[in-house]
Amino acid sequence: MAHNAELGRRGEQLAVEHLEARGMQVLERNWRCRMGEIDIVARDGRDTVFVEVKTRTSGEYGHPFEAITPLKLARMRRLAIAWCETTDAAVSRIRIDAVAVLAPTESPALIEHLEGIN
């Protein structure tokens, strides 16, 4: 389990760097409430973006995006609403994005970013 947690932290850090390189401002990481966790909350222009990060070392068990099921997406919507209700941040529009990180041990990571999966 420690390996998975470390891999997840590495993937989230790579996702943060990717988002910031695209000009997005990261507002929060690993925001939690009783319903679950949002990996990254960011601002992209006027949009408040809720980002699900999925990290794998290989595609052996499928692409990371395959782990984002309709159930997971519904939970992300509920979590986005909960975040909006508990923050003082001005929110005009919300968007749910997904970032897939393929991070093999011996080579550079590959990052894919899907915007607006909601």
PDB file of N, CA and C in Angstrom:
ATOM      1  N   MET A   1       0.817  -1.205   0.000  1.00  0.00           N
ATOM      2  CA  MET A   1       0.000   0.000   0.000  1.00  0.00           C
ATOM      3  C   MET A   1       0.859   1.266   0.000  1.00  0.00           C
ATOM      4  N   ALA A   2       2.002   1.204   0.696  1.00  0.00           N
ATOM      5  CA  ALA A   2       2.886   2.370   0.740  1.00  0.00           C
ATOM      6  C   ALA A   2       3.340   2.754  -0.662  1.00  0.00           C
ATOM      7  N   HIS A   3       3.617   1.749  -1.496  1.00  0.00           N
ATOM      8  CA  HIS A   3       4.029   2.023  -2.869  1.00  0.00           C
ATOM      9  C   HIS A   3       2.916   2.756  -3.622  1.00  0.00           C
ATOM     10  N   ASN A   4       1.667   2.313  -3.459  1.00  0.00           N
ATOM     11  CA  ASN A   4       0.542   2.965  -4.140  1.00  0.00           C
ATOM     12  C   ASN A   4       0.359   4.401  -3.669  1.00  0.00           C
ATOM     13  N   ALA A   5       0.504   4.634  -2.357  1.00  0.00           N
ATOM     14  CA  ALA A   5       0.362   5.991  -1.826  1.00  0.00           C
ATOM     15  C   ALA A   5       1.466   6.892  -2.372  1.00  0.00           C
ATOM     16  N   GLU A   6       2.678   6.371  -2.421  1.00  0.00           N
ATOM     17  CA  GLU A   6       3.805   7.137  -2.961  1.00  0.00           C
ATOM     18  C   GLU A   6       3.594   7.433  -4.444  1.00  0.00           C
ATOM     19  N   LEU A   7       3.136   6.432  -5.190  1.00  0.00           N
ATOM     20  CA  LEU A   7       2.857   6.618  -6.614  1.00  0.00           C
ATOM     21  C   LEU A   7       1.769   7.671  -6.801  1.00  0.00           C
ATOM     22  N   GLY A   8       0.723   7.614  -5.985  1.00  0.00           N
ATOM     23  CA  GLY A   8      -0.354   8.594  -6.067  1.00  0.00           C
ATOM     24  C   GLY A   8       0.130  10.007  -5.793  1.00  0.00           C
ATOM     25  N   ARG A   9       0.969  10.168  -4.766  1.00  0.00           N
ATOM     26  CA  ARG A   9       1.528  11.500  -4.453  1.00  0.00           C
ATOM     27  C   ARG A   9       2.392  12.012  -5.603  1.00  0.00           C
ATOM     28  N   ARG A  10       3.194  11.113  -6.173  1.00  0.00           N
ATOM     29  CA  ARG A  10       4.040  11.510  -7.312  1.00  0.00           C
ATOM     30  C   ARG A  10       3.169  11.945  -8.487  1.00  0.00           C
ATOM     31  N   GLY A  11       2.133  11.171  -8.786  1.00  0.00           N
ATOM     32  CA  GLY A  11       1.237  11.521  -9.883  1.00  0.00           C
ATOM     33  C   GLY A  11       0.541  12.846  -9.659  1.00  0.00           C
ATOM     34  N   GLU A  12       0.086  13.089  -8.435  1.00  0.00           N
ATOM     35  CA  GLU A  12      -0.577  14.359  -8.136  1.00  0.00           C
ATOM     36  C   GLU A  12       0.388  15.531  -8.270  1.00  0.00           C
ATOM     37  N   GLN A  13       1.636  15.351  -7.843  1.00  0.00           N
ATOM     38  CA  GLN A  13       2.624  16.421  -7.996  1.00  0.00           C
ATOM     39  C   GLN A  13       2.886  16.702  -9.470  1.00  0.00           C
ATOM     40  N   LEU A  14       3.018  15.657 -10.273  1.00  0.00           N
ATOM     41  CA  LEU A  14       3.209  15.845 -11.715  1.00  0.00           C
ATOM     42  C   LEU A  14       1.993  16.531 -12.338  1.00  0.00           C
ATOM     43  N   ALA A  15       0.801  16.177 -11.877  1.00  0.00           N
ATOM     44  CA  ALA A  15      -0.420  16.815 -12.388  1.00  0.00           C
ATOM     45  C   ALA A  15      -0.444  18.294 -12.025  1.00  0.00           C
ATOM     46  N   VAL A  16      -0.064  18.625 -10.786  1.00  0.00           N
ATOM     47  CA  VAL A  16      -0.011  20.031 -10.362  1.00  0.00           C
ATOM     48  C   VAL A  16       0.952  20.805 -11.256  1.00  0.00           C
ATOM     49  N   GLU A  17       2.127  20.252 -11.486  1.00  0.00           N
ATOM     50  CA  GLU A  17       3.112  20.923 -12.340  1.00  0.00           C
ATOM     51  C   GLU A  17       2.569  21.116 -13.757  1.00  0.00           C
ATOM     52  N   HIS A  18       1.873  20.120 -14.258  1.00  0.00           N
ATOM     53  CA  HIS A  18       1.270  20.209 -15.591  1.00  0.00           C
ATOM     54  C   HIS A  18       0.222  21.325 -15.641  1.00  0.00           C
ATOM     55  N   LEU A  19      -0.659  21.349 -14.651  1.00  0.00           N
ATOM     56  CA  LEU A  19      -1.718  22.361 -14.627  1.00  0.00           C
ATOM     57  C   LEU A  19      -1.134  23.766 -14.509  1.00  0.00           C
ATOM     58  N   GLU A  20      -0.157  23.925 -13.627  1.00  0.00           N
ATOM     59  CA  GLU A  20       0.465  25.242 -13.459  1.00  0.00           C
ATOM     60  C   GLU A  20       1.187  25.683 -14.726  1.00  0.00           C
ATOM     61  N   ALA A  21       1.810  24.734 -15.430  1.00  0.00           N
ATOM     62  CA  ALA A  21       2.484  25.067 -16.689  1.00  0.00           C
ATOM     63  C   ALA A  21       1.485  25.532 -17.743  1.00  0.00           C
ATOM     64  N   ARG A  22       0.236  25.099 -17.621  1.00  0.00           N
ATOM     65  CA  ARG A  22      -0.826  25.535 -18.539  1.00  0.00           C
ATOM     66  C   ARG A  22      -1.471  26.839 -18.092  1.00  0.00           C
ATOM     67  N   GLY A  23      -0.963  27.420 -17.000  1.00  0.00           N
ATOM     68  CA  GLY A  23      -1.465  28.704 -16.532  1.00  0.00           C
ATOM     69  C   GLY A  23      -2.573  28.621 -15.501  1.00  0.00           C
ATOM     70  N   MET A  24      -2.852  27.424 -15.029  1.00  0.00           N
ATOM     71  CA  MET A  24      -3.892  27.271 -14.007  1.00  0.00           C
ATOM     72  C   MET A  24      -3.296  27.534 -12.628  1.00  0.00           C
ATOM     73  N   GLN A  25      -4.131  28.044 -11.736  1.00  0.00           N
ATOM     74  CA  GLN A  25      -3.712  28.307 -10.360  1.00  0.00           C
ATOM     75  C   GLN A  25      -4.302  27.226  -9.459  1.00  0.00           C
ATOM     76  N   VAL A  26      -3.449  26.492  -8.780  1.00  0.00           N
ATOM     77  CA  VAL A  26      -3.909  25.447  -7.871  1.00  0.00           C
ATOM     78  C   VAL A  26      -4.352  26.107  -6.563  1.00  0.00           C
ATOM     79  N   LEU A  27      -5.604  25.860  -6.186  1.00  0.00           N
ATOM     80  CA  LEU A  27      -6.169  26.432  -4.968  1.00  0.00           C
ATOM     81  C   LEU A  27      -6.031  25.489  -3.778  1.00  0.00           C
ATOM     82  N   GLU A  28      -6.247  24.201  -4.025  1.00  0.00           N
ATOM     83  CA  GLU A  28      -6.180  23.205  -2.949  1.00  0.00           C
ATOM     84  C   GLU A  28      -5.756  21.874  -3.507  1.00  0.00           C
ATOM     85  N   ARG A  29      -5.150  21.091  -2.611  1.00  0.00           N
ATOM     86  CA  ARG A  29      -4.803  19.707  -2.938  1.00  0.00           C
ATOM     87  C   ARG A  29      -5.378  18.811  -1.860  1.00  0.00           C
ATOM     88  N   ASN A  30      -5.894  17.667  -2.272  1.00  0.00           N
ATOM     89  CA  ASN A  30      -6.416  16.660  -1.345  1.00  0.00           C
ATOM     90  C   ASN A  30      -7.451  17.229  -0.374  1.00  0.00           C
ATOM     91  N   TRP A  31      -8.417  17.976  -0.918  1.00  0.00           N
ATOM     92  CA  TRP A  31      -9.497  18.517  -0.088  1.00  0.00           C
ATOM     93  C   TRP A  31     -10.434  17.376   0.281  1.00  0.00           C
ATOM     94  N   ARG A  32     -10.750  17.302   1.577  1.00  0.00           N
ATOM     95  CA  ARG A  32     -11.581  16.191   2.054  1.00  0.00           C
ATOM     96  C   ARG A  32     -12.810  16.704   2.792  1.00  0.00           C
ATOM     97  N   CYS A  33     -13.855  15.894   2.676  1.00  0.00           N
ATOM     98  CA  CYS A  33     -15.049  16.068   3.491  1.00  0.00           C
ATOM     99  C   CYS A  33     -15.594  14.665   3.757  1.00  0.00           C
ATOM    100  N   ARG A  34     -16.726  14.569   4.416  1.00  0.00           N
ATOM    101  CA  ARG A  34     -17.263  13.248   4.772  1.00  0.00           C
ATOM    102  C   ARG A  34     -17.607  12.389   3.553  1.00  0.00           C
ATOM    103  N   MET A  35     -17.816  13.020   2.393  1.00  0.00           N
ATOM    104  CA  MET A  35     -18.188  12.274   1.181  1.00  0.00           C
ATOM    105  C   MET A  35     -16.988  11.739   0.400  1.00  0.00           C
ATOM    106  N   GLY A  36     -15.804  12.289   0.658  1.00  0.00           N
ATOM    107  CA  GLY A  36     -14.651  11.835  -0.096  1.00  0.00           C
ATOM    108  C   GLY A  36     -13.605  12.911  -0.249  1.00  0.00           C
ATOM    109  N   GLU A  37     -12.831  12.792  -1.299  1.00  0.00           N
ATOM    110  CA  GLU A  37     -11.686  13.682  -1.516  1.00  0.00           C
ATOM    111  C   GLU A  37     -11.633  14.164  -2.951  1.00  0.00           C
ATOM    112  N   ILE A  38     -11.236  15.421  -3.110  1.00  0.00           N
ATOM    113  CA  ILE A  38     -10.934  15.992  -4.423  1.00  0.00           C
ATOM    114  C   ILE A  38      -9.418  16.106  -4.497  1.00  0.00           C
ATOM    115  N   ASP A  39      -8.822  15.547  -5.535  1.00  0.00           N
ATOM    116  CA  ASP A  39      -7.367  15.567  -5.647  1.00  0.00           C
ATOM    117  C   ASP A  39      -6.827  16.989  -5.771  1.00  0.00           C
ATOM    118  N   ILE A  40      -7.386  17.751  -6.708  1.00  0.00           N
ATOM    119  CA  ILE A  40      -6.902  19.114  -6.958  1.00  0.00           C
ATOM    120  C   ILE A  40      -8.091  20.016  -7.262  1.00  0.00           C
ATOM    121  N   VAL A  41      -8.087  21.204  -6.647  1.00  0.00           N
ATOM    122  CA  VAL A  41      -9.025  22.259  -7.006  1.00  0.00           C
ATOM    123  C   VAL A  41      -8.170  23.383  -7.582  1.00  0.00           C
ATOM    124  N   ALA A  42      -8.530  23.850  -8.770  1.00  0.00           N
ATOM    125  CA  ALA A  42      -7.720  24.861  -9.446  1.00  0.00           C
ATOM    126  C   ALA A  42      -8.612  25.924 -10.078  1.00  0.00           C
ATOM    127  N   ARG A  43      -7.994  27.011 -10.468  1.00  0.00           N
ATOM    128  CA  ARG A  43      -8.688  28.077 -11.185  1.00  0.00           C
ATOM    129  C   ARG A  43      -8.083  28.150 -12.581  1.00  0.00           C
ATOM    130  N   ASP A  44      -8.960  28.164 -13.578  1.00  0.00           N
ATOM    131  CA  ASP A  44      -8.562  28.305 -14.974  1.00  0.00           C
ATOM    132  C   ASP A  44      -9.386  29.435 -15.556  1.00  0.00           C
ATOM    133  N   GLY A  45      -8.837  30.635 -15.521  1.00  0.00           N
ATOM    134  CA  GLY A  45      -9.610  31.809 -15.928  1.00  0.00           C
ATOM    135  C   GLY A  45     -10.766  31.993 -14.969  1.00  0.00           C
ATOM    136  N   ARG A  46     -11.988  31.988 -15.489  1.00  0.00           N
ATOM    137  CA  ARG A  46     -13.179  32.141 -14.646  1.00  0.00           C
ATOM    138  C   ARG A  46     -13.673  30.811 -14.089  1.00  0.00           C
ATOM    139  N   ASP A  47     -13.129  29.702 -14.568  1.00  0.00           N
ATOM    140  CA  ASP A  47     -13.597  28.382 -14.151  1.00  0.00           C
ATOM    141  C   ASP A  47     -12.902  27.906 -12.877  1.00  0.00           C
ATOM    142  N   THR A  48     -13.687  27.340 -11.979  1.00  0.00           N
ATOM    143  CA  THR A  48     -13.143  26.597 -10.856  1.00  0.00           C
ATOM    144  C   THR A  48     -13.143  25.144 -11.314  1.00  0.00           C
ATOM    145  N   VAL A  49     -11.980  24.520 -11.267  1.00  0.00           N
ATOM    146  CA  VAL A  49     -11.794  23.203 -11.863  1.00  0.00           C
ATOM    147  C   VAL A  49     -11.492  22.174 -10.775  1.00  0.00           C
ATOM    148  N   PHE A  50     -12.235  21.095 -10.800  1.00  0.00           N
ATOM    149  CA  PHE A  50     -12.057  19.991  -9.862  1.00  0.00           C
ATOM    150  C   PHE A  50     -11.415  18.865 -10.654  1.00  0.00           C
ATOM    151  N   VAL A  51     -10.221  18.454 -10.216  1.00  0.00           N
ATOM    152  CA  VAL A  51      -9.406  17.548 -11.017  1.00  0.00           C
ATOM    153  C   VAL A  51      -9.243  16.205 -10.306  1.00  0.00           C
ATOM    154  N   GLU A  52      -9.577  15.154 -11.025  1.00  0.00           N
ATOM    155  CA  GLU A  52      -9.330  13.787 -10.574  1.00  0.00           C
ATOM    156  C   GLU A  52      -8.042  13.319 -11.245  1.00  0.00           C
ATOM    157  N   VAL A  53      -7.098  12.839 -10.443  1.00  0.00           N
ATOM    158  CA  VAL A  53      -5.819  12.374 -10.956  1.00  0.00           C
ATOM    159  C   VAL A  53      -5.754  10.856 -10.800  1.00  0.00           C
ATOM    160  N   LYS A  54      -5.423  10.179 -11.868  1.00  0.00           N
ATOM    161  CA  LYS A  54      -5.239   8.725 -11.840  1.00  0.00           C
ATOM    162  C   LYS A  54      -3.831   8.428 -12.332  1.00  0.00           C
ATOM    163  N   THR A  55      -3.077   7.700 -11.521  1.00  0.00           N
ATOM    164  CA  THR A  55      -1.676   7.415 -11.832  1.00  0.00           C
ATOM    165  C   THR A  55      -1.457   5.911 -11.900  1.00  0.00           C
ATOM    166  N   ARG A  56      -0.710   5.495 -12.901  1.00  0.00           N
ATOM    167  CA  ARG A  56      -0.346   4.099 -13.069  1.00  0.00           C
ATOM    168  C   ARG A  56       1.119   4.031 -13.493  1.00  0.00           C
ATOM    169  N   THR A  57       1.762   2.911 -13.225  1.00  0.00           N
ATOM    170  CA  THR A  57       3.141   2.726 -13.693  1.00  0.00           C
ATOM    171  C   THR A  57       3.168   2.144 -15.102  1.00  0.00           C
ATOM    172  N   SER A  58       2.054   1.540 -15.522  1.00  0.00           N
ATOM    173  CA  SER A  58       1.971   0.975 -16.869  1.00  0.00           C
ATOM    174  C   SER A  58       0.499   0.885 -17.267  1.00  0.00           C
ATOM    175  N   GLY A  59       0.280   0.481 -18.492  1.00  0.00           N
ATOM    176  CA  GLY A  59      -1.085   0.279 -18.967  1.00  0.00           C
ATOM    177  C   GLY A  59      -1.547  -1.157 -18.816  1.00  0.00           C
ATOM    178  N   GLU A  60      -0.821  -1.929 -18.030  1.00  0.00           N
ATOM    179  CA  GLU A  60      -1.116  -3.358 -17.873  1.00  0.00           C
ATOM    180  C   GLU A  60      -2.554  -3.613 -17.413  1.00  0.00           C
ATOM    181  N   TYR A  61      -3.068  -2.753 -16.561  1.00  0.00           N
ATOM    182  CA  TYR A  61      -4.438  -2.925 -16.053  1.00  0.00           C
ATOM    183  C   TYR A  61      -5.400  -1.912 -16.680  1.00  0.00           C
ATOM    184  N   GLY A  62      -5.058  -1.422 -17.856  1.00  0.00           N
ATOM    185  CA  GLY A  62      -5.903  -0.462 -18.543  1.00  0.00           C
ATOM    186  C   GLY A  62      -5.384   0.951 -18.386  1.00  0.00           C
ATOM    187  N   HIS A  63      -5.931   1.831 -19.175  1.00  0.00           N
ATOM    188  CA  HIS A  63      -5.561   3.246 -19.129  1.00  0.00           C
ATOM    189  C   HIS A  63      -6.084   3.860 -17.833  1.00  0.00           C
ATOM    190  N   PRO A  64      -5.348   4.790 -17.242  1.00  0.00           N
ATOM    191  CA  PRO A  64      -5.820   5.410 -15.998  1.00  0.00           C
ATOM    192  C   PRO A  64      -7.226   6.006 -16.094  1.00  0.00           C
ATOM    193  N   PHE A  65      -7.594   6.558 -17.241  1.00  0.00           N
ATOM    194  CA  PHE A  65      -8.926   7.147 -17.379  1.00  0.00           C
ATOM    195  C   PHE A  65     -10.036   6.110 -17.222  1.00  0.00           C
ATOM    196  N   GLU A  66      -9.723   4.844 -17.494  1.00  0.00           N
ATOM    197  CA  GLU A  66     -10.732   3.797 -17.351  1.00  0.00           C
ATOM    198  C   GLU A  66     -11.196   3.639 -15.903  1.00  0.00           C
ATOM    199  N   ALA A  67     -10.413   4.129 -14.958  1.00  0.00           N
ATOM    200  CA  ALA A  67     -10.780   4.035 -13.542  1.00  0.00           C
ATOM    201  C   ALA A  67     -11.799   5.099 -13.137  1.00  0.00           C
ATOM    202  N   ILE A  68     -12.101   6.033 -14.031  1.00  0.00           N
ATOM    203  CA  ILE A  68     -13.095   7.072 -13.732  1.00  0.00           C
ATOM    204  C   ILE A  68     -14.443   6.586 -14.252  1.00  0.00           C
ATOM    205  N   THR A  69     -15.158   5.948 -13.379  1.00  0.00           N
ATOM    206  CA  THR A  69     -16.450   5.352 -13.706  1.00  0.00           C
ATOM    207  C   THR A  69     -17.557   6.391 -13.592  1.00  0.00           C
ATOM    208  N   PRO A  70     -18.743   6.098 -14.101  1.00  0.00           N
ATOM    209  CA  PRO A  70     -19.870   7.011 -13.894  1.00  0.00           C
ATOM    210  C   PRO A  70     -20.143   7.266 -12.410  1.00  0.00           C
ATOM    211  N   LEU A  71     -19.953   6.255 -11.571  1.00  0.00           N
ATOM    212  CA  LEU A  71     -20.134   6.424 -10.124  1.00  0.00           C
ATOM    213  C   LEU A  71     -19.113   7.408  -9.559  1.00  0.00           C
ATOM    214  N   LYS A  72     -17.856   7.290  -9.985  1.00  0.00           N
ATOM    215  CA  LYS A  72     -16.806   8.206  -9.534  1.00  0.00           C
ATOM    216  C   LYS A  72     -17.107   9.619 -10.008  1.00  0.00           C
ATOM    217  N   LEU A  73     -17.568   9.771 -11.227  1.00  0.00           N
ATOM    218  CA  LEU A  73     -17.892  11.088 -11.767  1.00  0.00           C
ATOM    219  C   LEU A  73     -19.052  11.720 -10.998  1.00  0.00           C
ATOM    220  N   ALA A  74     -20.052  10.935 -10.645  1.00  0.00           N
ATOM    221  CA  ALA A  74     -21.175  11.452  -9.845  1.00  0.00           C
ATOM    222  C   ALA A  74     -20.676  11.915  -8.476  1.00  0.00           C
ATOM    223  N   ARG A  75     -19.757  11.154  -7.879  1.00  0.00           N
ATOM    224  CA  ARG A  75     -19.183  11.559  -6.589  1.00  0.00           C
ATOM    225  C   ARG A  75     -18.402  12.872  -6.747  1.00  0.00           C
ATOM    226  N   MET A  76     -17.669  12.999  -7.850  1.00  0.00           N
ATOM    227  CA  MET A  76     -16.923  14.246  -8.088  1.00  0.00           C
ATOM    228  C   MET A  76     -17.862  15.442  -8.170  1.00  0.00           C
ATOM    229  N   ARG A  77     -19.007  15.261  -8.814  1.00  0.00           N
ATOM    230  CA  ARG A  77     -19.985  16.357  -8.889  1.00  0.00           C
ATOM    231  C   ARG A  77     -20.470  16.752  -7.494  1.00  0.00           C
ATOM    232  N   ARG A  78     -20.783  15.746  -6.660  1.00  0.00           N
ATOM    233  CA  ARG A  78     -21.231  16.028  -5.297  1.00  0.00           C
ATOM    234  C   ARG A  78     -20.129  16.705  -4.483  1.00  0.00           C
ATOM    235  N   LEU A  79     -18.904  16.250  -4.654  1.00  0.00           N
ATOM    236  CA  LEU A  79     -17.787  16.860  -3.936  1.00  0.00           C
ATOM    237  C   LEU A  79     -17.552  18.294  -4.394  1.00  0.00           C
ATOM    238  N   ALA A  80     -17.708  18.555  -5.683  1.00  0.00           N
ATOM    239  CA  ALA A  80     -17.545  19.921  -6.194  1.00  0.00           C
ATOM    240  C   ALA A  80     -18.578  20.849  -5.561  1.00  0.00           C
ATOM    241  N   ILE A  81     -19.801  20.386  -5.450  1.00  0.00           N
ATOM    242  CA  ILE A  81     -20.853  21.186  -4.810  1.00  0.00           C
ATOM    243  C   ILE A  81     -20.515  21.422  -3.342  1.00  0.00           C
ATOM    244  N   ALA A  82     -20.054  20.373  -2.661  1.00  0.00           N
ATOM    245  CA  ALA A  82     -19.684  20.514  -1.247  1.00  0.00           C
ATOM    246  C   ALA A  82     -18.553  21.514  -1.082  1.00  0.00           C
ATOM    247  N   TRP A  83     -17.554  21.479  -1.964  1.00  0.00           N
ATOM    248  CA  TRP A  83     -16.443  22.432  -1.876  1.00  0.00           C
ATOM    249  C   TRP A  83     -16.963  23.861  -2.060  1.00  0.00           C
ATOM    250  N   CYS A  84     -17.821  24.053  -3.053  1.00  0.00           N
ATOM    251  CA  CYS A  84     -18.375  25.388  -3.308  1.00  0.00           C
ATOM    252  C   CYS A  84     -19.169  25.907  -2.106  1.00  0.00           C
ATOM    253  N   GLU A  85     -19.871  25.008  -1.440  1.00  0.00           N
ATOM    254  CA  GLU A  85     -20.685  25.408  -0.284  1.00  0.00           C
ATOM    255  C   GLU A  85     -19.846  25.729   0.943  1.00  0.00           C
ATOM    256  N   THR A  86     -18.633  25.212   1.018  1.00  0.00           N
ATOM    257  CA  THR A  86     -17.826  25.409   2.221  1.00  0.00           C
ATOM    258  C   THR A  86     -16.686  26.402   2.051  1.00  0.00           C
ATOM    259  N   THR A  87     -16.560  26.989   0.891  1.00  0.00           N
ATOM    260  CA  THR A  87     -15.451  27.910   0.656  1.00  0.00           C
ATOM    261  C   THR A  87     -15.953  29.335   0.487  1.00  0.00           C
ATOM    262  N   ASP A  88     -15.057  30.261   0.729  1.00  0.00           N
ATOM    263  CA  ASP A  88     -15.362  31.680   0.514  1.00  0.00           C
ATOM    264  C   ASP A  88     -14.957  32.135  -0.876  1.00  0.00           C
ATOM    265  N   ALA A  89     -14.360  31.244  -1.648  1.00  0.00           N
ATOM    266  CA  ALA A  89     -13.897  31.605  -2.984  1.00  0.00           C
ATOM    267  C   ALA A  89     -15.080  31.923  -3.898  1.00  0.00           C
ATOM    268  N   ALA A  90     -14.882  32.922  -4.735  1.00  0.00           N
ATOM    269  CA  ALA A  90     -15.908  33.271  -5.713  1.00  0.00           C
ATOM    270  C   ALA A  90     -15.909  32.211  -6.812  1.00  0.00           C
ATOM    271  N   VAL A  91     -17.062  31.615  -7.051  1.00  0.00           N
ATOM    272  CA  VAL A  91     -17.182  30.563  -8.061  1.00  0.00           C
ATOM    273  C   VAL A  91     -18.228  30.995  -9.072  1.00  0.00           C
ATOM    274  N   SER A  92     -17.799  31.153 -10.335  1.00  0.00           N
ATOM    275  CA  SER A  92     -18.774  31.521 -11.363  1.00  0.00           C
ATOM    276  C   SER A  92     -19.163  30.305 -12.200  1.00  0.00           C
ATOM    277  N   ARG A  93     -18.176  29.521 -12.594  1.00  0.00           N
ATOM    278  CA  ARG A  93     -18.438  28.304 -13.371  1.00  0.00           C
ATOM    279  C   ARG A  93     -17.563  27.196 -12.816  1.00  0.00           C
ATOM    280  N   ILE A  94     -18.085  25.970 -12.875  1.00  0.00           N
ATOM    281  CA  ILE A  94     -17.271  24.838 -12.443  1.00  0.00           C
ATOM    282  C   ILE A  94     -17.069  23.873 -13.604  1.00  0.00           C
ATOM    283  N   ARG A  95     -15.957  23.139 -13.503  1.00  0.00           N
ATOM    284  CA  ARG A  95     -15.611  22.167 -14.531  1.00  0.00           C
ATOM    285  C   ARG A  95     -14.930  20.996 -13.832  1.00  0.00           C
ATOM    286  N   ILE A  96     -15.153  19.817 -14.325  1.00  0.00           N
ATOM    287  CA  ILE A  96     -14.460  18.642 -13.806  1.00  0.00           C
ATOM    288  C   ILE A  96     -13.514  18.147 -14.892  1.00  0.00           C
ATOM    289  N   ASP A  97     -12.241  18.027 -14.519  1.00  0.00           N
ATOM    290  CA  ASP A  97     -11.210  17.550 -15.429  1.00  0.00           C
ATOM    291  C   ASP A  97     -10.629  16.246 -14.889  1.00  0.00           C
ATOM    292  N   ALA A  98      -9.935  15.542 -15.747  1.00  0.00           N
ATOM    293  CA  ALA A  98      -9.206  14.342 -15.338  1.00  0.00           C
ATOM    294  C   ALA A  98      -7.793  14.431 -15.888  1.00  0.00           C
ATOM    295  N   VAL A  99      -6.843  14.005 -15.066  1.00  0.00           N
ATOM    296  CA  VAL A  99      -5.450  13.934 -15.492  1.00  0.00           C
ATOM    297  C   VAL A  99      -4.986  12.497 -15.303  1.00  0.00           C
ATOM    298  N   ALA A 100      -4.478  11.909 -16.370  1.00  0.00           N
ATOM    299  CA  ALA A 100      -3.903  10.565 -16.317  1.00  0.00           C
ATOM    300  C   ALA A 100      -2.392  10.696 -16.340  1.00  0.00           C
ATOM    301  N   VAL A 101      -1.747   9.999 -15.418  1.00  0.00           N
ATOM    302  CA  VAL A 101      -0.290  10.006 -15.356  1.00  0.00           C
ATOM    303  C   VAL A 101       0.185   8.564 -15.502  1.00  0.00           C
ATOM    304  N   LEU A 102       0.928   8.307 -16.557  1.00  0.00           N
ATOM    305  CA  LEU A 102       1.612   7.022 -16.719  1.00  0.00           C
ATOM    306  C   LEU A 102       3.059   7.274 -16.318  1.00  0.00           C
ATOM    307  N   ALA A 103       3.452   6.703 -15.178  1.00  0.00           N
ATOM    308  CA  ALA A 103       4.758   7.000 -14.591  1.00  0.00           C
ATOM    309  C   ALA A 103       5.581   5.737 -14.421  1.00  0.00           C
ATOM    310  N   PRO A 104       6.153   5.232 -15.522  1.00  0.00           N
ATOM    311  CA  PRO A 104       7.007   4.056 -15.408  1.00  0.00           C
ATOM    312  C   PRO A 104       8.224   4.374 -14.531  1.00  0.00           C
ATOM    313  N   THR A 105       8.732   3.372 -13.872  1.00  0.00           N
ATOM    314  CA  THR A 105       9.853   3.563 -12.960  1.00  0.00           C
ATOM    315  C   THR A 105      11.102   4.067 -13.665  1.00  0.00           C
ATOM    316  N   GLU A 106      11.359   3.565 -14.851  1.00  0.00           N
ATOM    317  CA  GLU A 106      12.633   3.837 -15.523  1.00  0.00           C
ATOM    318  C   GLU A 106      12.570   4.850 -16.663  1.00  0.00           C
ATOM    319  N   SER A 107      11.456   5.527 -16.850  1.00  0.00           N
ATOM    320  CA  SER A 107      11.376   6.500 -17.942  1.00  0.00           C
ATOM    321  C   SER A 107      10.481   7.663 -17.534  1.00  0.00           C
ATOM    322  N   PRO A 108      10.545   8.753 -18.301  1.00  0.00           N
ATOM    323  CA  PRO A 108       9.739   9.930 -17.954  1.00  0.00           C
ATOM    324  C   PRO A 108       8.237   9.633 -17.981  1.00  0.00           C
ATOM    325  N   ALA A 109       7.521  10.369 -17.164  1.00  0.00           N
ATOM    326  CA  ALA A 109       6.068  10.206 -17.082  1.00  0.00           C
ATOM    327  C   ALA A 109       5.395  10.813 -18.308  1.00  0.00           C
ATOM    328  N   LEU A 110       4.255  10.223 -18.674  1.00  0.00           N
ATOM    329  CA  LEU A 110       3.394  10.756 -19.724  1.00  0.00           C
ATOM    330  C   LEU A 110       2.124  11.267 -19.058  1.00  0.00           C
ATOM    331  N   ILE A 111       1.713  12.475 -19.427  1.00  0.00           N
ATOM    332  CA  ILE A 111       0.548  13.092 -18.799  1.00  0.00           C
ATOM    333  C   ILE A 111      -0.483  13.422 -19.865  1.00  0.00           C
ATOM    334  N   GLU A 112      -1.727  13.020 -19.614  1.00  0.00           N
ATOM    335  CA  GLU A 112      -2.856  13.378 -20.478  1.00  0.00           C
ATOM    336  C   GLU A 112      -3.870  14.129 -19.624  1.00  0.00           C
ATOM    337  N   HIS A 113      -4.472  15.154 -20.210  1.00  0.00           N
ATOM    338  CA  HIS A 113      -5.413  16.003 -19.491  1.00  0.00           C
ATOM    339  C   HIS A 113      -6.696  16.123 -20.304  1.00  0.00           C
ATOM    340  N   LEU A 114      -7.803  15.666 -19.725  1.00  0.00           N
ATOM    341  CA  LEU A 114      -9.114  15.824 -20.349  1.00  0.00           C
ATOM    342  C   LEU A 114      -9.868  16.919 -19.617  1.00  0.00           C
ATOM    343  N   GLU A 115     -10.311  17.917 -20.354  1.00  0.00           N
ATOM    344  CA  GLU A 115     -11.079  19.014 -19.762  1.00  0.00           C
ATOM    345  C   GLU A 115     -12.571  18.764 -19.917  1.00  0.00           C
ATOM    346  N   GLY A 116     -13.308  19.127 -18.873  1.00  0.00           N
ATOM    347  CA  GLY A 116     -14.762  19.096 -18.955  1.00  0.00           C
ATOM    348  C   GLY A 116     -15.347  17.715 -19.123  1.00  0.00           C
ATOM    349  N   ILE A 117     -14.959  16.790 -18.290  1.00  0.00           N
ATOM    350  CA  ILE A 117     -15.505  15.431 -18.403  1.00  0.00           C
ATOM    351  C   ILE A 117     -16.895  15.327 -17.802  1.00  0.00           C
ATOM    352  N   ASN A 118     -17.368  16.405 -17.205  1.00  0.00           N
ATOM    353  CA  ASN A 118     -18.682  16.374 -16.584  1.00  0.00           C
ATOM    354  C   ASN A 118     -19.748  16.493 -17.643  1.00  0.00           C
TER     355      ASN A 118
END
